[in-house]
């Protein structure tokens, strides 16, 4: 949320959460999607597929990140 607001966002909301995985936000003309998968490559491929399947143009990754794994005893 802080990152969104720091970049000028005014209607920032939580769209998805992830743990021990990666997430991407893909934007295209007319919309966006947020996808989480085990790897950044998988999340990116799925997000781009959702974008193009929705007939959006200019699909691109706007944000991507991975969470760090947490060791549990």
Protein backbone atom coordinates (compact mmCIF):
# COMPACT_ATOMS: atom_id res chain seq x y z
CA UNK A 1 0.00 0.00 0.00
CA UNK A 2 2.82 2.37 0.87
CA UNK A 3 4.47 1.75 -2.52
CA UNK A 4 1.20 2.49 -4.34
CA UNK A 5 0.65 5.73 -2.44
CA UNK A 6 4.30 6.76 -2.84
CA UNK A 7 3.84 6.43 -6.62
CA UNK A 8 0.85 8.78 -6.55
CA UNK A 9 -1.94 6.23 -6.18
CA UNK A 10 -5.12 7.54 -4.57
CA UNK A 11 -7.42 4.50 -4.86
CA UNK A 12 -4.94 1.87 -3.64
CA UNK A 13 -6.50 -1.47 -2.67
CA UNK A 14 -5.25 -4.98 -1.96
CA UNK A 15 -6.03 -7.13 -5.02
CA UNK A 16 -4.17 -10.29 -4.11
CA UNK A 17 -1.86 -11.69 -1.47
CA UNK A 18 0.91 -14.23 -1.79
CA UNK A 19 3.35 -16.11 0.39
CA UNK A 20 6.48 -17.99 -0.66
CA UNK A 21 5.68 -17.14 -4.27
CA UNK A 22 5.82 -14.35 -6.83
CA UNK A 23 3.23 -11.88 -8.08
CA UNK A 24 2.90 -9.58 -11.07
CA UNK A 25 0.53 -6.82 -12.09
CA UNK A 26 0.02 -6.78 -15.84
CA UNK A 27 -1.64 -3.72 -17.37
CA UNK A 28 -3.00 -3.27 -20.83
CA UNK A 29 -5.26 -0.82 -22.57
CA UNK A 30 -8.59 -1.07 -20.75
CA UNK A 31 -7.64 -3.07 -17.67
CA UNK A 32 -5.21 -4.98 -15.53
CA UNK A 33 -4.78 -8.25 -13.66
CA UNK A 34 -2.81 -9.42 -10.64
CA UNK A 35 -1.46 -12.96 -10.71
CA UNK A 36 0.55 -15.00 -8.20
CA UNK A 37 2.44 -18.22 -8.97
CA UNK A 38 5.41 -20.20 -7.66
CA UNK A 39 7.94 -18.37 -9.86
CA UNK A 40 8.21 -14.96 -11.45
CA UNK A 41 8.31 -16.55 -14.91
CA UNK A 42 5.08 -18.49 -14.25
CA UNK A 43 3.32 -15.44 -12.82
CA UNK A 44 4.41 -13.28 -15.75
CA UNK A 45 3.34 -15.83 -18.36
CA UNK A 46 -0.07 -16.27 -16.73
CA UNK A 47 -0.63 -12.52 -16.30
CA UNK A 48 0.30 -11.81 -19.91
CA UNK A 49 -1.99 -14.62 -21.07
CA UNK A 50 -4.92 -13.19 -19.05
CA UNK A 51 -4.26 -9.78 -20.60
CA UNK A 52 -4.15 -10.98 -24.19
CA UNK A 53 -7.10 -13.38 -23.68
CA UNK A 54 -9.13 -10.34 -22.57
CA UNK A 55 -8.30 -8.76 -25.96
CA UNK A 56 -6.29 -5.97 -24.35
CA UNK A 57 -3.48 -4.32 -26.26
CA UNK A 58 -0.15 -2.97 -25.03
CA UNK A 59 0.07 -5.61 -22.29
CA UNK A 60 3.07 -5.10 -20.04
CA UNK A 61 4.28 -5.93 -16.55
CA UNK A 62 3.75 -2.88 -14.36
CA UNK A 63 4.97 -4.43 -11.10
CA UNK A 64 6.56 -7.71 -10.08
CA UNK A 65 7.94 -9.10 -6.84
CA UNK A 66 8.60 -12.31 -4.96
CA UNK A 67 8.22 -12.97 -1.26
CA UNK A 68 11.14 -14.43 0.60
CA UNK A 69 10.63 -17.95 1.92
CA UNK A 70 10.32 -18.21 5.67
CA UNK A 71 11.91 -21.14 7.47
CA UNK A 72 9.65 -22.81 9.99
CA UNK A 73 11.11 -25.00 12.70
